Amino acid sequence: MFTLMLVLLWVGVVCLCYRQLHQTSTLSVEVMEESYRDTLECTEEDITDKVVFLEKRVTELEKDTAANGEQHSCLQQENLQLVHRANALEEQLKEQELRADQALLEEIKKQRELLSKMEREKSIEIENLQARLQQLDDENSELRSCVPCLKANIERLE
């Protein structure tokens, strides 16, 4: 990778030199030679600076790539753990909902049974009270029918 960068840099320098030579072709030969020498001198210094810069940049990029790889790996692991946790919680929620539904059905059944029992008891109590009422009505009728006889007896005794 580093070699490829150097080759690309060298091609860039050659292109730069060619452009500078082409631009100065209208100048005199003397000016052109002087410009070419300046370009070569600047180019060697520039190349050295650029190579040092690129080496530092490559090192930084390699470190960044390694750090990003580690971070990516950690995030993948954390994501996997979170997915497993979410799945476990969903499963737990489904089980709790099922238990709650079953408990609700059982409570409804108990309440219906209790209501039926209470209705039966009330029905029996009503029947008993109606029978008692009928008995008291019968007694009352008997006693009313005896009242004229008793009044007659009282009047006779007086």
N, C-alpha and C. Protein backbone atom coordinates (compact mmCIF):
# COMPACT_ATOMS: atom_id res chain seq x y z
N MET A 1 0.83 -1.19 0.00
CA MET A 1 0.00 0.00 0.00
C MET A 1 0.87 1.26 0.00
N PHE A 2 1.90 1.22 0.81
CA PHE A 2 2.82 2.35 0.88
C PHE A 2 3.53 2.54 -0.46
N THR A 3 3.91 1.44 -1.08
CA THR A 3 4.59 1.51 -2.38
C THR A 3 3.67 2.13 -3.42
N LEU A 4 2.43 1.74 -3.38
CA LEU A 4 1.44 2.28 -4.32
C LEU A 4 1.31 3.79 -4.13
N MET A 5 1.33 4.24 -2.90
CA MET A 5 1.23 5.68 -2.63
C MET A 5 2.45 6.41 -3.18
N LEU A 6 3.61 5.81 -3.00
CA LEU A 6 4.83 6.44 -3.52
C LEU A 6 4.79 6.53 -5.04
N VAL A 7 4.30 5.47 -5.69
CA VAL A 7 4.22 5.48 -7.16
C VAL A 7 3.25 6.57 -7.60
N LEU A 8 2.10 6.66 -6.94
CA LEU A 8 1.13 7.69 -7.29
C LEU A 8 1.69 9.08 -7.05
N LEU A 9 2.44 9.23 -5.99
CA LEU A 9 3.07 10.51 -5.69
C LEU A 9 4.08 10.87 -6.77
N TRP A 10 4.87 9.90 -7.16
CA TRP A 10 5.89 10.14 -8.19
C TRP A 10 5.23 10.51 -9.51
N VAL A 11 4.12 9.84 -9.86
CA VAL A 11 3.40 10.17 -11.09
C VAL A 11 2.87 11.59 -10.99
N GLY A 12 2.39 11.98 -9.83
CA GLY A 12 1.91 13.34 -9.64
C GLY A 12 3.02 14.37 -9.81
N VAL A 13 4.19 14.05 -9.31
CA VAL A 13 5.33 14.97 -9.42
C VAL A 13 5.74 15.11 -10.88
N VAL A 14 5.75 13.99 -11.58
CA VAL A 14 6.12 14.03 -13.01
C VAL A 14 5.11 14.87 -13.78
N CYS A 15 3.84 14.69 -13.48
CA CYS A 15 2.80 15.49 -14.14
C CYS A 15 2.98 16.97 -13.83
N LEU A 16 3.31 17.27 -12.58
CA LEU A 16 3.53 18.65 -12.17
C LEU A 16 4.70 19.25 -12.93
N CYS A 17 5.76 18.49 -13.04
CA CYS A 17 6.94 18.96 -13.78
C CYS A 17 6.58 19.19 -15.24
N TYR A 18 5.83 18.28 -15.80
CA TYR A 18 5.45 18.39 -17.21
C TYR A 18 4.59 19.64 -17.42
N ARG A 19 3.64 19.88 -16.52
CA ARG A 19 2.80 21.08 -16.63
C ARG A 19 3.63 22.34 -16.52
N GLN A 20 4.53 22.34 -15.58
CA GLN A 20 5.37 23.54 -15.41
C GLN A 20 6.24 23.75 -16.64
N LEU A 21 6.76 22.69 -17.20
CA LEU A 21 7.58 22.81 -18.41
C LEU A 21 6.73 23.28 -19.58
N HIS A 22 5.54 22.77 -19.68
CA HIS A 22 4.66 23.15 -20.78
C HIS A 22 4.26 24.62 -20.67
N GLN A 23 4.01 25.07 -19.45
CA GLN A 23 3.62 26.46 -19.25
C GLN A 23 4.77 27.41 -19.55
N THR A 24 5.95 26.98 -19.32
CA THR A 24 7.11 27.86 -19.52
C THR A 24 7.74 27.67 -20.89
N SER A 25 7.10 26.91 -21.77
CA SER A 25 7.69 26.66 -23.09
C SER A 25 7.77 27.92 -23.93
N THR A 26 6.97 28.89 -23.65
CA THR A 26 7.02 30.14 -24.41
C THR A 26 8.16 31.04 -23.94
N LEU A 27 8.71 30.73 -22.80
CA LEU A 27 9.83 31.53 -22.28
C LEU A 27 11.11 31.14 -22.99
N SER A 28 12.04 31.84 -22.73
CA SER A 28 13.34 31.55 -23.35
C SER A 28 13.93 30.29 -22.75
N VAL A 29 14.85 29.71 -23.41
CA VAL A 29 15.48 28.46 -22.99
C VAL A 29 16.16 28.66 -21.64
N GLU A 30 16.76 29.80 -21.46
CA GLU A 30 17.45 30.08 -20.22
C GLU A 30 16.48 30.10 -19.03
N VAL A 31 15.40 30.79 -19.21
CA VAL A 31 14.39 30.89 -18.16
C VAL A 31 13.82 29.51 -17.90
N MET A 32 13.66 28.74 -18.98
CA MET A 32 13.10 27.41 -18.86
C MET A 32 14.04 26.49 -18.07
N GLU A 33 15.32 26.56 -18.34
CA GLU A 33 16.27 25.72 -17.62
C GLU A 33 16.31 26.09 -16.14
N GLU A 34 16.27 27.38 -15.88
CA GLU A 34 16.29 27.84 -14.49
C GLU A 34 15.02 27.38 -13.76
N SER A 35 13.90 27.51 -14.42
CA SER A 35 12.63 27.08 -13.84
C SER A 35 12.64 25.58 -13.59
N TYR A 36 13.20 24.83 -14.52
CA TYR A 36 13.26 23.37 -14.38
C TYR A 36 14.11 22.98 -13.18
N ARG A 37 15.25 23.68 -12.99
CA ARG A 37 16.11 23.39 -11.85
C ARG A 37 15.39 23.71 -10.53
N ASP A 38 14.69 24.84 -10.50
CA ASP A 38 13.93 25.22 -9.30
C ASP A 38 12.84 24.18 -9.01
N THR A 39 12.21 23.74 -10.08
CA THR A 39 11.15 22.75 -9.94
C THR A 39 11.71 21.45 -9.39
N LEU A 40 12.85 21.01 -9.90
CA LEU A 40 13.45 19.77 -9.42
C LEU A 40 13.86 19.89 -7.95
N GLU A 41 14.43 21.04 -7.59
CA GLU A 41 14.83 21.24 -6.21
C GLU A 41 13.61 21.25 -5.28
N CYS A 42 12.59 22.00 -5.69
CA CYS A 42 11.37 22.05 -4.88
C CYS A 42 10.71 20.69 -4.85
N THR A 43 10.79 20.01 -5.94
CA THR A 43 10.13 18.73 -6.03
C THR A 43 10.77 17.72 -5.09
N GLU A 44 12.10 17.69 -5.01
CA GLU A 44 12.75 16.75 -4.10
C GLU A 44 12.38 17.04 -2.65
N GLU A 45 12.38 18.31 -2.30
CA GLU A 45 11.98 18.68 -0.94
C GLU A 45 10.51 18.36 -0.70
N ASP A 46 9.71 18.71 -1.70
CA ASP A 46 8.27 18.43 -1.59
C ASP A 46 8.00 16.94 -1.47
N ILE A 47 8.74 16.16 -2.26
CA ILE A 47 8.54 14.71 -2.23
C ILE A 47 8.88 14.18 -0.84
N THR A 48 10.00 14.63 -0.29
CA THR A 48 10.40 14.17 1.03
C THR A 48 9.34 14.54 2.07
N ASP A 49 8.88 15.79 2.01
CA ASP A 49 7.84 16.23 2.94
C ASP A 49 6.55 15.43 2.76
N LYS A 50 6.20 15.23 1.50
CA LYS A 50 4.97 14.49 1.22
C LYS A 50 5.08 13.04 1.65
N VAL A 51 6.25 12.44 1.44
CA VAL A 51 6.45 11.05 1.86
C VAL A 51 6.33 10.94 3.38
N VAL A 52 6.96 11.85 4.10
CA VAL A 52 6.88 11.85 5.56
C VAL A 52 5.43 12.03 6.00
N PHE A 53 4.77 13.01 5.35
CA PHE A 53 3.36 13.25 5.68
C PHE A 53 2.52 12.00 5.41
N LEU A 54 2.74 11.39 4.24
CA LEU A 54 1.96 10.20 3.88
C LEU A 54 2.25 9.03 4.81
N GLU A 55 3.51 8.88 5.22
CA GLU A 55 3.84 7.81 6.17
C GLU A 55 3.08 8.01 7.48
N LYS A 56 3.07 9.27 7.97
CA LYS A 56 2.34 9.56 9.20
C LYS A 56 0.85 9.30 9.01
N ARG A 57 0.36 9.73 7.86
CA ARG A 57 -1.07 9.56 7.59
C ARG A 57 -1.44 8.08 7.50
N VAL A 58 -0.58 7.28 6.84
CA VAL A 58 -0.83 5.84 6.73
C VAL A 58 -0.85 5.21 8.12
N THR A 59 0.10 5.61 8.97
CA THR A 59 0.15 5.09 10.33
C THR A 59 -1.13 5.45 11.10
N GLU A 60 -1.54 6.71 10.96
CA GLU A 60 -2.78 7.14 11.62
C GLU A 60 -3.98 6.34 11.12
N LEU A 61 -4.04 6.16 9.79
CA LEU A 61 -5.16 5.42 9.22
C LEU A 61 -5.16 3.96 9.67
N GLU A 62 -3.98 3.37 9.77
CA GLU A 62 -3.90 1.98 10.25
C GLU A 62 -4.39 1.89 11.70
N LYS A 63 -3.98 2.87 12.53
CA LYS A 63 -4.44 2.89 13.92
C LYS A 63 -5.96 3.08 13.98
N ASP A 64 -6.45 4.03 13.17
CA ASP A 64 -7.90 4.27 13.14
C ASP A 64 -8.65 3.03 12.69
N THR A 65 -8.11 2.35 11.67
CA THR A 65 -8.75 1.14 11.16
C THR A 65 -8.79 0.06 12.23
N ALA A 66 -7.68 -0.10 12.94
CA ALA A 66 -7.63 -1.10 14.02
C ALA A 66 -8.63 -0.73 15.13
N ALA A 67 -8.63 0.54 15.50
CA ALA A 67 -9.56 0.98 16.56
C ALA A 67 -11.01 0.81 16.11
N ASN A 68 -11.28 1.16 14.86
CA ASN A 68 -12.65 1.01 14.35
C ASN A 68 -13.04 -0.46 14.29
N GLY A 69 -12.08 -1.31 13.93
CA GLY A 69 -12.36 -2.75 13.90
C GLY A 69 -12.71 -3.28 15.28
N GLU A 70 -11.93 -2.86 16.28
CA GLU A 70 -12.20 -3.28 17.65
C GLU A 70 -13.55 -2.75 18.13
N GLN A 71 -13.80 -1.48 17.83
CA GLN A 71 -15.07 -0.88 18.24
C GLN A 71 -16.23 -1.58 17.55
N HIS A 72 -16.07 -1.88 16.26
CA HIS A 72 -17.12 -2.58 15.51
C HIS A 72 -17.38 -3.96 16.12
N SER A 73 -16.30 -4.64 16.47
CA SER A 73 -16.44 -5.97 17.07
C SER A 73 -17.16 -5.88 18.42
N CYS A 74 -16.78 -4.90 19.23
CA CYS A 74 -17.44 -4.71 20.53
C CYS A 74 -18.92 -4.38 20.35
N LEU A 75 -19.22 -3.52 19.38
CA LEU A 75 -20.61 -3.14 19.14
C LEU A 75 -21.42 -4.34 18.64
N GLN A 76 -20.80 -5.17 17.80
CA GLN A 76 -21.50 -6.37 17.32
C GLN A 76 -21.81 -7.30 18.49
N GLN A 77 -20.83 -7.48 19.37
CA GLN A 77 -21.03 -8.35 20.53
C GLN A 77 -22.12 -7.79 21.44
N GLU A 78 -22.07 -6.48 21.68
CA GLU A 78 -23.08 -5.84 22.52
C GLU A 78 -24.46 -5.96 21.88
N ASN A 79 -24.52 -5.76 20.57
CA ASN A 79 -25.79 -5.88 19.85
C ASN A 79 -26.34 -7.30 19.97
N LEU A 80 -25.48 -8.28 19.83
CA LEU A 80 -25.90 -9.68 19.95
C LEU A 80 -26.48 -9.95 21.35
N GLN A 81 -25.79 -9.44 22.37
CA GLN A 81 -26.28 -9.61 23.73
C GLN A 81 -27.64 -8.93 23.93
N LEU A 82 -27.78 -7.73 23.35
CA LEU A 82 -29.04 -7.00 23.48
C LEU A 82 -30.17 -7.72 22.75
N VAL A 83 -29.87 -8.30 21.59
CA VAL A 83 -30.88 -9.05 20.85
C VAL A 83 -31.33 -10.26 21.66
N HIS A 84 -30.36 -10.98 22.24
CA HIS A 84 -30.71 -12.13 23.08
C HIS A 84 -31.55 -11.70 24.29
N ARG A 85 -31.17 -10.59 24.90
CA ARG A 85 -31.91 -10.07 26.06
C ARG A 85 -33.34 -9.68 25.65
N ALA A 86 -33.46 -9.01 24.50
CA ALA A 86 -34.79 -8.60 24.02
C ALA A 86 -35.65 -9.83 23.74
N ASN A 87 -35.06 -10.85 23.12
CA ASN A 87 -35.81 -12.08 22.85
C ASN A 87 -36.26 -12.75 24.15
N ALA A 88 -35.36 -12.78 25.13
CA ALA A 88 -35.71 -13.39 26.42
C ALA A 88 -36.84 -12.61 27.09
N LEU A 89 -36.77 -11.28 27.03
CA LEU A 89 -37.82 -10.46 27.64
C LEU A 89 -39.16 -10.63 26.91
N GLU A 90 -39.11 -10.74 25.59
CA GLU A 90 -40.35 -10.98 24.83
C GLU A 90 -40.97 -12.32 25.23
N GLU A 91 -40.13 -13.33 25.36
CA GLU A 91 -40.60 -14.66 25.77
C GLU A 91 -41.21 -14.59 27.17
N GLN A 92 -40.53 -13.90 28.07
CA GLN A 92 -41.03 -13.74 29.44
C GLN A 92 -42.37 -13.00 29.44
N LEU A 93 -42.49 -11.97 28.61
CA LEU A 93 -43.73 -11.21 28.52
C LEU A 93 -44.87 -12.10 28.01
N LYS A 94 -44.60 -12.92 27.00
CA LYS A 94 -45.62 -13.83 26.48
C LYS A 94 -46.09 -14.80 27.57
N GLU A 95 -45.14 -15.34 28.33
CA GLU A 95 -45.49 -16.27 29.41
C GLU A 95 -46.34 -15.56 30.47
N GLN A 96 -45.96 -14.34 30.83
CA GLN A 96 -46.73 -13.59 31.83
C GLN A 96 -48.13 -13.27 31.33
N GLU A 97 -48.24 -12.92 30.05
CA GLU A 97 -49.56 -12.64 29.48
C GLU A 97 -50.42 -13.90 29.50
N LEU A 98 -49.81 -15.04 29.18
CA LEU A 98 -50.55 -16.30 29.18
C LEU A 98 -51.03 -16.63 30.60
N ARG A 99 -50.14 -16.48 31.59
CA ARG A 99 -50.53 -16.73 32.98
C ARG A 99 -51.62 -15.76 33.43
N ALA A 100 -51.51 -14.51 33.03
CA ALA A 100 -52.52 -13.52 33.40
C ALA A 100 -53.87 -13.87 32.77
N ASP A 101 -53.85 -14.30 31.51
CA ASP A 101 -55.10 -14.72 30.86
C ASP A 101 -55.72 -15.91 31.57
N GLN A 102 -54.88 -16.88 31.94
CA GLN A 102 -55.39 -18.06 32.65
C GLN A 102 -55.96 -17.67 34.02
N ALA A 103 -55.26 -16.80 34.72
CA ALA A 103 -55.74 -16.35 36.03
C ALA A 103 -57.07 -15.61 35.89
N LEU A 104 -57.18 -14.80 34.85
CA LEU A 104 -58.42 -14.07 34.61
C LEU A 104 -59.57 -15.03 34.33
N LEU A 105 -59.31 -16.03 33.48
CA LEU A 105 -60.36 -17.01 33.18
C LEU A 105 -60.79 -17.77 34.44
N GLU A 106 -59.82 -18.15 35.27
CA GLU A 106 -60.14 -18.84 36.53
C GLU A 106 -60.97 -17.94 37.45
N GLU A 107 -60.59 -16.67 37.53
CA GLU A 107 -61.33 -15.73 38.39
C GLU A 107 -62.75 -15.53 37.86
N ILE A 108 -62.90 -15.44 36.55
CA ILE A 108 -64.24 -15.30 35.97
C ILE A 108 -65.08 -16.54 36.30
N LYS A 109 -64.46 -17.72 36.19
CA LYS A 109 -65.17 -18.96 36.50
C LYS A 109 -65.60 -18.97 37.97
N LYS A 110 -64.69 -18.58 38.87
CA LYS A 110 -65.02 -18.54 40.30
C LYS A 110 -66.18 -17.59 40.56
N GLN A 111 -66.11 -16.41 39.94
CA GLN A 111 -67.16 -15.42 40.16
C GLN A 111 -68.51 -15.90 39.63
N ARG A 112 -68.50 -16.58 38.49
CA ARG A 112 -69.75 -17.13 37.95
C ARG A 112 -70.32 -18.20 38.88
N GLU A 113 -69.43 -19.07 39.37
CA GLU A 113 -69.88 -20.12 40.30
C GLU A 113 -70.45 -19.49 41.57
N LEU A 114 -69.76 -18.48 42.08
CA LEU A 114 -70.23 -17.80 43.29
C LEU A 114 -71.57 -17.13 43.03
N LEU A 115 -71.72 -16.50 41.89
CA LEU A 115 -72.98 -15.85 41.54
C LEU A 115 -74.10 -16.88 41.43
N SER A 116 -73.81 -18.01 40.78
CA SER A 116 -74.82 -19.08 40.68
C SER A 116 -75.23 -19.58 42.06
N LYS A 117 -74.25 -19.78 42.92
CA LYS A 117 -74.53 -20.25 44.28
C LYS A 117 -75.41 -19.25 45.02
N MET A 118 -75.04 -17.97 44.91
CA MET A 118 -75.82 -16.94 45.59
C MET A 118 -77.24 -16.86 45.01
N GLU A 119 -77.38 -17.02 43.70
CA GLU A 119 -78.71 -16.99 43.09
C GLU A 119 -79.55 -18.18 43.57
N ARG A 120 -78.91 -19.36 43.66
CA ARG A 120 -79.62 -20.54 44.18
C ARG A 120 -80.06 -20.30 45.62
N GLU A 121 -79.14 -19.78 46.45
CA GLU A 121 -79.47 -19.51 47.85
C GLU A 121 -80.60 -18.50 47.96
N LYS A 122 -80.54 -17.45 47.16
CA LYS A 122 -81.60 -16.44 47.19
C LYS A 122 -82.93 -17.04 46.73
N SER A 123 -82.85 -17.87 45.70
CA SER A 123 -84.07 -18.52 45.20
C SER A 123 -84.69 -19.39 46.29
N ILE A 124 -83.86 -20.16 46.98
CA ILE A 124 -84.35 -21.01 48.08
C ILE A 124 -84.93 -20.14 49.19
N GLU A 125 -84.23 -19.07 49.53
CA GLU A 125 -84.71 -18.17 50.58
C GLU A 125 -86.05 -17.54 50.18
N ILE A 126 -86.17 -17.14 48.92
CA ILE A 126 -87.44 -16.56 48.45
C ILE A 126 -88.55 -17.60 48.54
N GLU A 127 -88.26 -18.82 48.12
CA GLU A 127 -89.26 -19.90 48.21
C GLU A 127 -89.68 -20.12 49.66
N ASN A 128 -88.69 -20.15 50.55
CA ASN A 128 -88.99 -20.33 51.98
C ASN A 128 -89.83 -19.18 52.52
N LEU A 129 -89.45 -17.96 52.13
CA LEU A 129 -90.21 -16.80 52.60
C LEU A 129 -91.63 -16.80 52.02
N GLN A 130 -91.76 -17.21 50.77
CA GLN A 130 -93.10 -17.29 50.18
C GLN A 130 -93.95 -18.35 50.89
N ALA A 131 -93.31 -19.48 51.20
CA ALA A 131 -94.03 -20.54 51.93
C ALA A 131 -94.45 -20.03 53.30
N ARG A 132 -93.55 -19.34 53.98
CA ARG A 132 -93.86 -18.78 55.31
C ARG A 132 -94.98 -17.75 55.21
N LEU A 133 -94.91 -16.91 54.15
CA LEU A 133 -95.94 -15.90 53.94
C LEU A 133 -97.29 -16.57 53.72
N GLN A 134 -97.28 -17.61 52.91
CA GLN A 134 -98.52 -18.34 52.66
C GLN A 134 -99.06 -18.94 53.96
N GLN A 135 -98.14 -19.50 54.75
CA GLN A 135 -98.54 -20.08 56.03
C GLN A 135 -99.15 -19.02 56.93
N LEU A 136 -98.50 -17.85 57.00
CA LEU A 136 -99.01 -16.76 57.84
C LEU A 136 -100.34 -16.24 57.31
N ASP A 137 -100.47 -16.18 55.97
CA ASP A 137 -101.75 -15.77 55.38
C ASP A 137 -102.85 -16.75 55.76
N ASP A 138 -102.49 -18.03 55.69
CA ASP A 138 -103.48 -19.06 56.06
C ASP A 138 -103.87 -18.91 57.54
N GLU A 139 -102.86 -18.72 58.40
CA GLU A 139 -103.14 -18.54 59.84
C GLU A 139 -103.98 -17.31 60.06
N ASN A 140 -103.63 -16.24 59.35
CA ASN A 140 -104.36 -14.99 59.47
C ASN A 140 -105.82 -15.19 59.05
N SER A 141 -106.01 -15.90 57.96
CA SER A 141 -107.39 -16.16 57.50
C SER A 141 -108.14 -16.98 58.54
N GLU A 142 -107.48 -17.98 59.10
CA GLU A 142 -108.10 -18.81 60.14
C GLU A 142 -108.50 -17.97 61.33
N LEU A 143 -107.54 -17.13 61.75
CA LEU A 143 -107.80 -16.28 62.91
C LEU A 143 -108.92 -15.29 62.60
N ARG A 144 -108.97 -14.76 61.44
CA ARG A 144 -110.04 -13.82 61.07
C ARG A 144 -111.40 -14.53 61.06
N SER A 145 -111.31 -15.75 60.58
CA SER A 145 -112.59 -16.49 60.57
C SER A 145 -113.06 -16.80 61.99
N CYS A 146 -112.13 -16.90 62.93
CA CYS A 146 -112.49 -17.18 64.33
C CYS A 146 -112.94 -15.92 65.06
N VAL A 147 -112.61 -14.77 64.59
CA VAL A 147 -112.89 -13.51 65.28
C VAL A 147 -114.41 -13.36 65.51
N PRO A 148 -115.29 -13.56 64.53
CA PRO A 148 -116.71 -13.37 64.82
C PRO A 148 -117.20 -14.35 65.90
N CYS A 149 -116.70 -15.59 65.87
CA CYS A 149 -117.11 -16.57 66.89
C CYS A 149 -116.65 -16.10 68.26
N LEU A 150 -115.41 -15.64 68.31
CA LEU A 150 -114.86 -15.20 69.59
C LEU A 150 -115.60 -13.97 70.10
N LYS A 151 -115.97 -13.08 69.22
CA LYS A 151 -116.72 -11.89 69.62
C LYS A 151 -118.09 -12.32 70.16
N ALA A 152 -118.65 -13.28 69.50
CA ALA A 152 -119.97 -13.77 69.95
C ALA A 152 -119.84 -14.40 71.32
N ASN A 153 -118.77 -15.17 71.53
CA ASN A 153 -118.54 -15.80 72.83
C ASN A 153 -118.34 -14.73 73.89
N ILE A 154 -117.60 -13.70 73.58
CA ILE A 154 -117.33 -12.62 74.54
C ILE A 154 -118.63 -11.93 74.88
N GLU A 155 -119.46 -11.69 73.93
CA GLU A 155 -120.72 -11.01 74.17
C GLU A 155 -121.63 -11.89 75.02
N ARG A 156 -121.59 -13.16 74.80
CA ARG A 156 -122.42 -14.08 75.57
C ARG A 156 -121.94 -14.12 77.01
N LEU A 157 -120.66 -14.10 77.17
CA LEU A 157 -120.10 -14.16 78.50
C LEU A 157 -120.32 -12.84 79.25
N GLU A 158 -120.51 -11.85 78.62
CA GLU A 158 -120.66 -10.56 79.28
C GLU A 158 -122.03 -10.42 79.72
